Amino acid sequence: MKNILIPILLLTLGLLASCGKELTTPVEPDKVVIVESYLYAGDSAITIKVTKLLPYSEDTTDATEYISGLNLQINGADLTETGTGVYTLLLGEKRIQSGESYMLKFLYFSDTVSSYTLIPDKPSNFNISSNTIYTDRITSTSSGMPSGPPSDLILSWDNTDESYYYVLIQYLEASRDYINYRSASLDLSDTTSISPTNASETRLGTRNLNFFGSYRIILFKVNDDFADLYQQTDVNSNNITTPVSTINNGFGVFTGMTSDTVYLEVIEN
């Protein structure tokens, strides 16, 4: 599950890593850290990446400099550096649980960097309006006009407290079976997403389903900080002035989430 979310937020974290000249309060980049960690209910380990805040320039736009040799703690337990700037806490059979809180602390130069997160409850009554849809295959030799795409699907769940939810759609087949042959020449992803919402349903446009076969649709219940960070991917390093952050004496994200899953089959007419 972990590797699903990280690519979606790389743009925002890249902005944080290179926006030193845009911050409203001057800082010394070498003394400021960026923390990245997503805590998933059910996982048996917590992983945290720690990098430097780099001053903005064309050379640092895509650069990442990991920070080694730190002493990170979560709820008083020491993490182990399992890679350069990557720190891990193994939980064994305990695993991350909904309703639990986690406090991160470590010292960097003279500042205590810290953050807190609470693991949300699992989404309730997650449903899809249909688990199967049928559509025409479009080939180079297709004759006549194909029928229109199926109606949009409705994804729904309980949300009495207006929490934020985030949807990922994953294509599960080992090889792509294109609905429209023209799509084979495009740089399409096997994973798409729907922006965080605090509603109790969202539409999945069937025009955005490019392949025949099986899909996994994951509904994440996320904290407000995740939704705020996701929205910041719409900005760029020329206009960002107050980066969203959940880290005291640093930047980045340390947040918890839970999920539920439904499945979808797209079948040829």
C-alpha atoms as a PDB file:
ATOM      1  CA  MET A   1       0.000   0.000   0.000  1.00  0.00           C
ATOM      2  CA  LYS A   2       2.780   2.448   0.819  1.00  0.00           C
ATOM      3  CA  ASN A   3       4.170   2.854  -2.680  1.00  0.00           C
ATOM      4  CA  ILE A   4       0.762   3.852  -4.060  1.00  0.00           C
ATOM      5  CA  LEU A   5       0.487   7.252  -2.433  1.00  0.00           C
ATOM      6  CA  ILE A   6       4.020   8.512  -2.540  1.00  0.00           C
ATOM      7  CA  PRO A   7       4.203   9.314  -6.301  1.00  0.00           C
ATOM      8  CA  ILE A   8       1.058  11.415  -6.032  1.00  0.00           C
ATOM      9  CA  LEU A   9       2.664  13.740  -3.503  1.00  0.00           C
ATOM     10  CA  LEU A  10       6.132  13.956  -5.017  1.00  0.00           C
ATOM     11  CA  LEU A  11       5.314  17.295  -6.637  1.00  0.00           C
ATOM     12  CA  THR A  12       4.365  18.891  -3.339  1.00  0.00           C
ATOM     13  CA  LEU A  13       7.332  17.464  -1.476  1.00  0.00           C
ATOM     14  CA  GLY A  14       9.578  18.586  -4.315  1.00  0.00           C
ATOM     15  CA  LEU A  15       8.233  22.102  -3.892  1.00  0.00           C
ATOM     16  CA  LEU A  16       9.004  21.997  -0.189  1.00  0.00           C
ATOM     17  CA  ALA A  17      12.530  20.794  -0.965  1.00  0.00           C
ATOM     18  CA  SER A  18      13.315  23.726  -3.240  1.00  0.00           C
ATOM     19  CA  CYS A  19      11.235  26.700  -2.115  1.00  0.00           C
ATOM     20  CA  GLY A  20      13.660  28.279   0.344  1.00  0.00           C
ATOM     21  CA  LYS A  21      13.573  31.685  -1.321  1.00  0.00           C
ATOM     22  CA  GLU A  22       9.761  31.745  -1.267  1.00  0.00           C
ATOM     23  CA  LEU A  23       9.243  31.323   2.502  1.00  0.00           C
ATOM     24  CA  THR A  24       7.853  34.340   4.324  1.00  0.00           C
ATOM     25  CA  THR A  25      10.289  33.816   7.230  1.00  0.00           C
ATOM     26  CA  PRO A  26      13.975  33.574   6.232  1.00  0.00           C
ATOM     27  CA  VAL A  27      15.555  30.232   7.140  1.00  0.00           C
ATOM     28  CA  GLU A  28      18.953  28.577   6.810  1.00  0.00           C
ATOM     29  CA  PRO A  29      18.205  25.708   4.391  1.00  0.00           C
ATOM     30  CA  ASP A  30      21.001  23.472   5.736  1.00  0.00           C
ATOM     31  CA  LYS A  31      19.356  23.550   9.171  1.00  0.00           C
ATOM     32  CA  VAL A  32      15.800  22.776   8.044  1.00  0.00           C
ATOM     33  CA  VAL A  33      14.475  19.249   7.463  1.00  0.00           C
ATOM     34  CA  ILE A  34      11.666  17.773   5.403  1.00  0.00           C
ATOM     35  CA  VAL A  35       9.892  14.743   6.864  1.00  0.00           C
ATOM     36  CA  GLU A  36       7.798  12.313   4.817  1.00  0.00           C
ATOM     37  CA  SER A  37       5.812   9.516   6.449  1.00  0.00           C
ATOM     38  CA  TYR A  38       2.405   7.919   5.856  1.00  0.00           C
ATOM     39  CA  LEU A  39       1.076   5.602   8.573  1.00  0.00           C
ATOM     40  CA  TYR A  40      -1.391   2.998   7.291  1.00  0.00           C
ATOM     41  CA  ALA A  41      -3.698   1.050   9.597  1.00  0.00           C
ATOM     42  CA  GLY A  42      -2.692  -2.606   9.421  1.00  0.00           C
ATOM     43  CA  ASP A  43       0.979  -2.034   8.599  1.00  0.00           C
ATOM     44  CA  SER A  44       3.614  -3.661  10.808  1.00  0.00           C
ATOM     45  CA  ALA A  45       6.263  -0.986  10.248  1.00  0.00           C
ATOM     46  CA  ILE A  46       6.574   2.788  10.184  1.00  0.00           C
ATOM     47  CA  THR A  47       8.993   4.329   7.682  1.00  0.00           C
ATOM     48  CA  ILE A  48      10.158   7.940   7.742  1.00  0.00           C
ATOM     49  CA  LYS A  49      12.273   9.740   5.152  1.00  0.00           C
ATOM     50  CA  VAL A  50      14.221  12.801   6.229  1.00  0.00           C
ATOM     51  CA  THR A  51      15.746  15.185   3.674  1.00  0.00           C
ATOM     52  CA  LYS A  52      17.185  18.695   3.601  1.00  0.00           C
ATOM     53  CA  LEU A  53      15.414  21.866   2.603  1.00  0.00           C
ATOM     54  CA  LEU A  54      17.390  23.023  -0.437  1.00  0.00           C
ATOM     55  CA  PRO A  55      17.579  26.679  -1.551  1.00  0.00           C
ATOM     56  CA  TYR A  56      15.649  27.242  -4.742  1.00  0.00           C
ATOM     57  CA  SER A  57      17.561  27.110  -8.012  1.00  0.00           C
ATOM     58  CA  GLU A  58      17.324  25.335 -11.334  1.00  0.00           C
ATOM     59  CA  ASP A  59      19.881  22.851 -10.036  1.00  0.00           C
ATOM     60  CA  THR A  60      17.830  21.904  -6.960  1.00  0.00           C
ATOM     61  CA  THR A  61      14.372  21.647  -8.540  1.00  0.00           C
ATOM     62  CA  ASP A  62      14.583  17.837  -8.746  1.00  0.00           C
ATOM     63  CA  ALA A  63      17.311  17.298  -6.147  1.00  0.00           C
ATOM     64  CA  THR A  64      16.945  15.365  -2.903  1.00  0.00           C
ATOM     65  CA  GLU A  65      19.549  15.234  -0.141  1.00  0.00           C
ATOM     66  CA  TYR A  66      18.845  12.643   2.566  1.00  0.00           C
ATOM     67  CA  ILE A  67      19.990  13.226   6.155  1.00  0.00           C
ATOM     68  CA  SER A  68      21.763  10.347   7.862  1.00  0.00           C
ATOM     69  CA  GLY A  69      22.733   9.712  11.478  1.00  0.00           C
ATOM     70  CA  LEU A  70      19.652  11.085  13.227  1.00  0.00           C
ATOM     71  CA  ASN A  71      18.034   9.630  16.345  1.00  0.00           C
ATOM     72  CA  LEU A  72      14.296   9.441  15.606  1.00  0.00           C
ATOM     73  CA  GLN A  73      11.731   8.295  18.143  1.00  0.00           C
ATOM     74  CA  ILE A  74       8.035   7.472  17.843  1.00  0.00           C
ATOM     75  CA  ASN A  75       6.151   7.268  21.141  1.00  0.00           C
ATOM     76  CA  GLY A  76       9.542   6.958  22.837  1.00  0.00           C
ATOM     77  CA  ALA A  77      10.747   4.007  20.712  1.00  0.00           C
ATOM     78  CA  ASP A  78      13.953   4.391  18.692  1.00  0.00           C
ATOM     79  CA  LEU A  79      13.871   3.982  14.922  1.00  0.00           C
ATOM     80  CA  THR A  80      16.631   2.226  12.978  1.00  0.00           C
ATOM     81  CA  GLU A  81      18.242   3.818   9.922  1.00  0.00           C
ATOM     82  CA  THR A  82      17.574   1.215   7.227  1.00  0.00           C
ATOM     83  CA  GLY A  83      18.858   3.320   4.335  1.00  0.00           C
ATOM     84  CA  THR A  84      20.480   6.720   3.946  1.00  0.00           C
ATOM     85  CA  GLY A  85      17.985   9.123   5.533  1.00  0.00           C
ATOM     86  CA  VAL A  86      15.343   6.375   5.803  1.00  0.00           C
ATOM     87  CA  TYR A  87      14.303   5.365   9.319  1.00  0.00           C
ATOM     88  CA  THR A  88      12.121   2.395  10.298  1.00  0.00           C
ATOM     89  CA  LEU A  89      10.265   1.216  13.376  1.00  0.00           C
ATOM     90  CA  LEU A  90       9.185  -2.440  13.288  1.00  0.00           C
ATOM     91  CA  LEU A  91       5.967  -3.065  15.213  1.00  0.00           C
ATOM     92  CA  GLY A  92       5.832  -6.845  14.876  1.00  0.00           C
ATOM     93  CA  GLU A  93       2.420  -8.337  15.584  1.00  0.00           C
ATOM     94  CA  LYS A  94       1.099  -5.114  17.091  1.00  0.00           C
ATOM     95  CA  ARG A  95       0.622  -3.266  13.787  1.00  0.00           C
ATOM     96  CA  ILE A  96      -0.813   0.219  13.336  1.00  0.00           C
ATOM     97  CA  GLN A  97      -4.372   0.458  14.632  1.00  0.00           C
ATOM     98  CA  SER A  98      -7.254   2.876  14.054  1.00  0.00           C
ATOM     99  CA  GLY A  99      -7.681   5.260  16.962  1.00  0.00           C
ATOM    100  CA  GLU A 100      -4.022   5.128  17.968  1.00  0.00           C
ATOM    101  CA  SER A 101      -1.876   8.260  18.133  1.00  0.00           C
ATOM    102  CA  TYR A 102       1.781   8.571  17.223  1.00  0.00           C
ATOM    103  CA  MET A 103       4.269  11.254  18.260  1.00  0.00           C
ATOM    104  CA  LEU A 104       7.478  11.733  16.272  1.00  0.00           C
ATOM    105  CA  LYS A 105      10.482  13.523  17.808  1.00  0.00           C
ATOM    106  CA  PHE A 106      14.130  14.029  16.956  1.00  0.00           C
ATOM    107  CA  LEU A 107      16.829  16.644  17.405  1.00  0.00           C
ATOM    108  CA  TYR A 108      18.272  18.475  14.397  1.00  0.00           C
ATOM    109  CA  PHE A 109      20.926  21.063  15.172  1.00  0.00           C
ATOM    110  CA  SER A 110      19.467  22.882  18.210  1.00  0.00           C
ATOM    111  CA  ASP A 111      15.774  22.311  17.386  1.00  0.00           C
ATOM    112  CA  THR A 112      13.451  19.510  18.380  1.00  0.00           C
ATOM    113  CA  VAL A 113      11.569  18.441  15.266  1.00  0.00           C
ATOM    114  CA  SER A 114       8.207  16.898  16.139  1.00  0.00           C
ATOM    115  CA  SER A 115       4.836  15.912  14.766  1.00  0.00           C
ATOM    116  CA  TYR A 116       1.677  14.136  15.884  1.00  0.00           C
ATOM    117  CA  THR A 117      -0.911  12.109  14.029  1.00  0.00           C
ATOM    118  CA  LEU A 118      -4.009  10.082  14.825  1.00  0.00           C
ATOM    119  CA  ILE A 119      -4.964   7.019  12.780  1.00  0.00           C
ATOM    120  CA  PRO A 120      -8.558   7.501  11.513  1.00  0.00           C
ATOM    121  CA  ASP A 121     -11.313   4.920  11.770  1.00  0.00           C
ATOM    122  CA  LYS A 122     -11.807   2.609   8.800  1.00  0.00           C
ATOM    123  CA  PRO A 123     -14.263   3.870   6.158  1.00  0.00           C
ATOM    124  CA  SER A 124     -17.782   2.616   6.752  1.00  0.00           C
ATOM    125  CA  ASN A 125     -20.197   1.183   4.163  1.00  0.00           C
ATOM    126  CA  PHE A 126     -17.974   1.767   1.136  1.00  0.00           C
ATOM    127  CA  ASN A 127     -19.978   0.777  -1.957  1.00  0.00           C
ATOM    128  CA  ILE A 128     -19.823   1.020  -5.735  1.00  0.00           C
ATOM    129  CA  SER A 129     -22.987   1.363  -7.838  1.00  0.00           C
ATOM    130  CA  SER A 130     -21.922  -1.558 -10.056  1.00  0.00           C
ATOM    131  CA  ASN A 131     -19.037  -4.020  -9.909  1.00  0.00           C
ATOM    132  CA  THR A 132     -19.264  -4.745 -13.647  1.00  0.00           C
ATOM    133  CA  ILE A 133     -19.537  -2.512 -16.699  1.00  0.00           C
ATOM    134  CA  TYR A 134     -19.615  -3.370 -20.418  1.00  0.00           C
ATOM    135  CA  THR A 135     -18.224  -1.270 -23.236  1.00  0.00           C
ATOM    136  CA  ASP A 136     -17.307  -1.593 -26.914  1.00  0.00           C
ATOM    137  CA  ARG A 137     -13.777  -2.290 -28.077  1.00  0.00           C
ATOM    138  CA  ILE A 138     -12.519   0.303 -30.581  1.00  0.00           C
ATOM    139  CA  THR A 139     -10.028  -1.048 -33.121  1.00  0.00           C
ATOM    140  CA  SER A 140      -8.468   0.326 -36.298  1.00  0.00           C
ATOM    141  CA  THR A 141     -10.953  -1.772 -38.285  1.00  0.00           C
ATOM    142  CA  SER A 142     -14.053  -0.966 -36.246  1.00  0.00           C
ATOM    143  CA  SER A 143     -17.008  -0.141 -38.464  1.00  0.00           C
ATOM    144  CA  GLY A 144     -19.883   2.125 -37.541  1.00  0.00           C
ATOM    145  CA  MET A 145     -20.180   4.348 -34.519  1.00  0.00           C
ATOM    146  CA  PRO A 146     -19.392   2.749 -31.163  1.00  0.00           C
ATOM    147  CA  SER A 147     -21.941   3.109 -28.424  1.00  0.00           C
ATOM    148  CA  GLY A 148     -21.314   5.775 -25.805  1.00  0.00           C
ATOM    149  CA  PRO A 149     -19.396   4.917 -22.645  1.00  0.00           C
ATOM    150  CA  PRO A 150     -21.324   3.409 -19.741  1.00  0.00           C
ATOM    151  CA  SER A 151     -22.822   5.756 -17.181  1.00  0.00           C
ATOM    152  CA  ASP A 152     -20.504   7.065 -14.495  1.00  0.00           C
ATOM    153  CA  LEU A 153     -20.142   4.902 -11.417  1.00  0.00           C
ATOM    154  CA  ILE A 154     -21.075   6.206  -7.970  1.00  0.00           C
ATOM    155  CA  LEU A 155     -18.761   5.512  -5.060  1.00  0.00           C
ATOM    156  CA  SER A 156     -20.419   6.089  -1.692  1.00  0.00           C
ATOM    157  CA  TRP A 157     -19.643   5.761   2.013  1.00  0.00           C
ATOM    158  CA  ASP A 158     -20.832   7.007   5.401  1.00  0.00           C
ATOM    159  CA  ASN A 159     -19.493  10.425   6.373  1.00  0.00           C
ATOM    160  CA  THR A 160     -21.518  11.962   9.170  1.00  0.00           C
ATOM    161  CA  ASP A 161     -18.580  14.041  10.458  1.00  0.00           C
ATOM    162  CA  GLU A 162     -17.470  15.410   7.049  1.00  0.00           C
ATOM    163  CA  SER A 163     -14.052  13.747   7.220  1.00  0.00           C
ATOM    164  CA  TYR A 164     -11.819  13.725   4.143  1.00  0.00           C
ATOM    165  CA  TYR A 165     -11.670  10.734   1.817  1.00  0.00           C
ATOM    166  CA  TYR A 166      -9.356  10.040  -1.078  1.00  0.00           C
ATOM    167  CA  VAL A 167      -9.846   7.504  -3.903  1.00  0.00           C
ATOM    168  CA  LEU A 168      -7.256   5.538  -5.879  1.00  0.00           C
ATOM    169  CA  ILE A 169      -8.139   3.411  -8.915  1.00  0.00           C
ATOM    170  CA  GLN A 170      -5.625   0.686  -9.798  1.00  0.00           C
ATOM    171  CA  TYR A 171      -5.595  -1.469 -12.933  1.00  0.00           C
ATOM    172  CA  LEU A 172      -4.660  -4.995 -11.823  1.00  0.00           C
ATOM    173  CA  GLU A 173      -3.852  -6.868 -15.034  1.00  0.00           C
ATOM    174  CA  ALA A 174      -0.231  -7.775 -15.837  1.00  0.00           C
ATOM    175  CA  SER A 175      -0.600  -6.491 -19.413  1.00  0.00           C
ATOM    176  CA  ARG A 176      -2.841  -3.764 -20.763  1.00  0.00           C
ATOM    177  CA  ASP A 177      -5.897  -4.582 -22.840  1.00  0.00           C
ATOM    178  CA  TYR A 178      -6.828  -1.208 -24.357  1.00  0.00           C
ATOM    179  CA  ILE A 179     -10.479  -0.302 -24.873  1.00  0.00           C
ATOM    180  CA  ASN A 180      -9.469   2.145 -27.603  1.00  0.00           C
ATOM    181  CA  TYR A 181      -6.479   1.102 -29.709  1.00  0.00           C
ATOM    182  CA  ARG A 182      -5.390   4.746 -30.015  1.00  0.00           C
ATOM    183  CA  SER A 183      -4.643   4.799 -26.277  1.00  0.00           C
ATOM    184  CA  ALA A 184      -1.691   2.462 -26.815  1.00  0.00           C
ATOM    185  CA  SER A 185       0.355   5.394 -28.093  1.00  0.00           C
ATOM    186  CA  LEU A 186      -0.361   7.502 -24.999  1.00  0.00           C
ATOM    187  CA  ASP A 187       1.558   7.610 -21.730  1.00  0.00           C
ATOM    188  CA  LEU A 188      -1.277   6.288 -19.573  1.00  0.00           C
ATOM    189  CA  SER A 189      -0.921   5.268 -15.943  1.00  0.00           C
ATOM    190  CA  ASP A 190      -2.273   2.098 -14.370  1.00  0.00           C
ATOM    191  CA  THR A 191      -3.167   4.158 -11.288  1.00  0.00           C
ATOM    192  CA  THR A 192      -5.396   7.228 -11.187  1.00  0.00           C
ATOM    193  CA  SER A 193      -6.949   9.161  -8.334  1.00  0.00           C
ATOM    194  CA  ILE A 194      -9.833  11.371  -7.318  1.00  0.00           C
ATOM    195  CA  SER A 195      -8.979  14.432  -5.227  1.00  0.00           C
ATOM    196  CA  PRO A 196      -9.775  14.344  -1.493  1.00  0.00           C
ATOM    197  CA  THR A 197     -13.374  15.209  -0.675  1.00  0.00           C
ATOM    198  CA  ASN A 198     -15.355  15.625   2.544  1.00  0.00           C
ATOM    199  CA  ALA A 199     -18.589  14.514   0.855  1.00  0.00           C
ATOM    200  CA  SER A 200     -20.115  11.043   1.220  1.00  0.00           C
ATOM    201  CA  GLU A 201     -19.881  10.065  -2.452  1.00  0.00           C
ATOM    202  CA  THR A 202     -18.018  10.769  -5.654  1.00  0.00           C
ATOM    203  CA  ARG A 203     -18.345   9.878  -9.327  1.00  0.00           C
ATOM    204  CA  LEU A 204     -15.940   7.646 -11.184  1.00  0.00           C
ATOM    205  CA  GLY A 205     -16.073   8.667 -14.839  1.00  0.00           C
ATOM    206  CA  THR A 206     -16.040   5.577 -17.037  1.00  0.00           C
ATOM    207  CA  ARG A 207     -14.386   7.614 -19.794  1.00  0.00           C
ATOM    208  CA  ASN A 208     -11.307   7.530 -17.565  1.00  0.00           C
ATOM    209  CA  LEU A 209     -11.163   3.718 -17.576  1.00  0.00           C
ATOM    210  CA  ASN A 210      -8.815   2.901 -20.426  1.00  0.00           C
ATOM    211  CA  PHE A 211      -8.450  -0.870 -20.194  1.00  0.00           C
ATOM    212  CA  PHE A 212     -10.534  -4.018 -20.114  1.00  0.00           C
ATOM    213  CA  GLY A 213     -10.045  -6.179 -17.044  1.00  0.00           C
ATOM    214  CA  SER A 214      -9.967  -5.923 -13.261  1.00  0.00           C
ATOM    215  CA  TYR A 215      -9.588  -2.776 -11.176  1.00  0.00           C
ATOM    216  CA  ARG A 216      -9.116  -2.233  -7.461  1.00  0.00           C
ATOM    217  CA  ILE A 217     -10.705   0.915  -6.049  1.00  0.00           C
ATOM    218  CA  ILE A 218      -9.303   2.009  -2.684  1.00  0.00           C
ATOM    219  CA  LEU A 219     -11.047   4.524  -0.447  1.00  0.00           C
ATOM    220  CA  PHE A 220      -8.679   6.130   2.074  1.00  0.00           C
ATOM    221  CA  LYS A 221      -9.960   7.981   5.087  1.00  0.00           C
ATOM    222  CA  VAL A 222      -7.335  10.681   5.586  1.00  0.00           C
ATOM    223  CA  ASN A 223      -6.589  13.475   8.002  1.00  0.00           C
ATOM    224  CA  ASP A 224      -7.127  17.115   7.070  1.00  0.00           C
ATOM    225  CA  ASP A 225      -3.384  17.657   6.683  1.00  0.00           C
ATOM    226  CA  PHE A 226      -3.222  15.131   3.843  1.00  0.00           C
ATOM    227  CA  ALA A 227      -6.059  16.890   2.016  1.00  0.00           C
ATOM    228  CA  ASP A 228      -4.322  20.256   2.502  1.00  0.00           C
ATOM    229  CA  LEU A 229      -1.045  18.885   1.157  1.00  0.00           C
ATOM    230  CA  TYR A 230      -2.749  17.311  -1.849  1.00  0.00           C
ATOM    231  CA  GLN A 231      -4.395  20.596  -2.762  1.00  0.00           C
ATOM    232  CA  GLN A 232      -1.021  22.310  -2.707  1.00  0.00           C
ATOM    233  CA  THR A 233       0.098  20.258  -5.737  1.00  0.00           C
ATOM    234  CA  ASP A 234      -1.798  22.868  -7.778  1.00  0.00           C
ATOM    235  CA  VAL A 235       0.793  25.522  -6.970  1.00  0.00           C
ATOM    236  CA  ASN A 236       4.357  25.856  -8.192  1.00  0.00           C
ATOM    237  CA  SER A 237       7.638  27.147  -6.837  1.00  0.00           C
ATOM    238  CA  ASN A 238       6.984  30.592  -8.283  1.00  0.00           C
ATOM    239  CA  ASN A 239       3.888  31.289  -6.214  1.00  0.00           C
ATOM    240  CA  ILE A 240       4.170  29.100  -3.102  1.00  0.00           C
ATOM    241  CA  THR A 241       4.698  31.248   0.007  1.00  0.00           C
ATOM    242  CA  THR A 242       3.391  29.197   2.943  1.00  0.00           C
ATOM    243  CA  PRO A 243       4.029  25.480   2.398  1.00  0.00           C
ATOM    244  CA  VAL A 244       1.525  23.199   4.119  1.00  0.00           C
ATOM    245  CA  SER A 245       3.320  21.244   6.829  1.00  0.00           C
ATOM    246  CA  THR A 246       2.475  19.089   9.831  1.00  0.00           C
ATOM    247  CA  ILE A 247       6.038  19.220  11.148  1.00  0.00           C
ATOM    248  CA  ASN A 248       7.093  21.472  14.035  1.00  0.00           C
ATOM    249  CA  ASN A 249      10.501  23.040  13.285  1.00  0.00           C
ATOM    250  CA  GLY A 250      10.473  21.512   9.815  1.00  0.00           C
ATOM    251  CA  PHE A 251       8.383  20.850   6.748  1.00  0.00           C
ATOM    252  CA  GLY A 252       6.641  17.858   5.223  1.00  0.00           C
ATOM    253  CA  VAL A 253       4.011  15.386   6.337  1.00  0.00           C
ATOM    254  CA  PHE A 254       3.541  12.835   9.123  1.00  0.00           C
ATOM    255  CA  THR A 255       0.007  11.545   8.811  1.00  0.00           C
ATOM    256  CA  GLY A 256      -2.193   8.496   9.330  1.00  0.00           C
ATOM    257  CA  MET A 257      -4.840   6.863   7.148  1.00  0.00           C
ATOM    258  CA  THR A 258      -7.060   3.811   6.823  1.00  0.00           C
ATOM    259  CA  SER A 259      -8.717   2.233   3.802  1.00  0.00           C
ATOM    260  CA  ASP A 260     -11.377  -0.060   2.382  1.00  0.00           C
ATOM    261  CA  THR A 261     -11.559  -1.624  -1.086  1.00  0.00           C
ATOM    262  CA  VAL A 262     -14.061  -2.558  -3.782  1.00  0.00           C
ATOM    263  CA  TYR A 263     -13.403  -4.188  -7.163  1.00  0.00           C
ATOM    264  CA  LEU A 264     -14.557  -3.466 -10.698  1.00  0.00           C
ATOM    265  CA  GLU A 265     -14.565  -5.518 -13.915  1.00  0.00           C
ATOM    266  CA  VAL A 266     -14.611  -3.776 -17.313  1.00  0.00           C
ATOM    267  CA  ILE A 267     -15.815  -6.282 -19.912  1.00  0.00           C
ATOM    268  CA  GLU A 268     -16.034  -6.072 -23.693  1.00  0.00           C
ATOM    269  CA  ASN A 269     -19.534  -5.974 -25.200  1.00  0.00           C
END
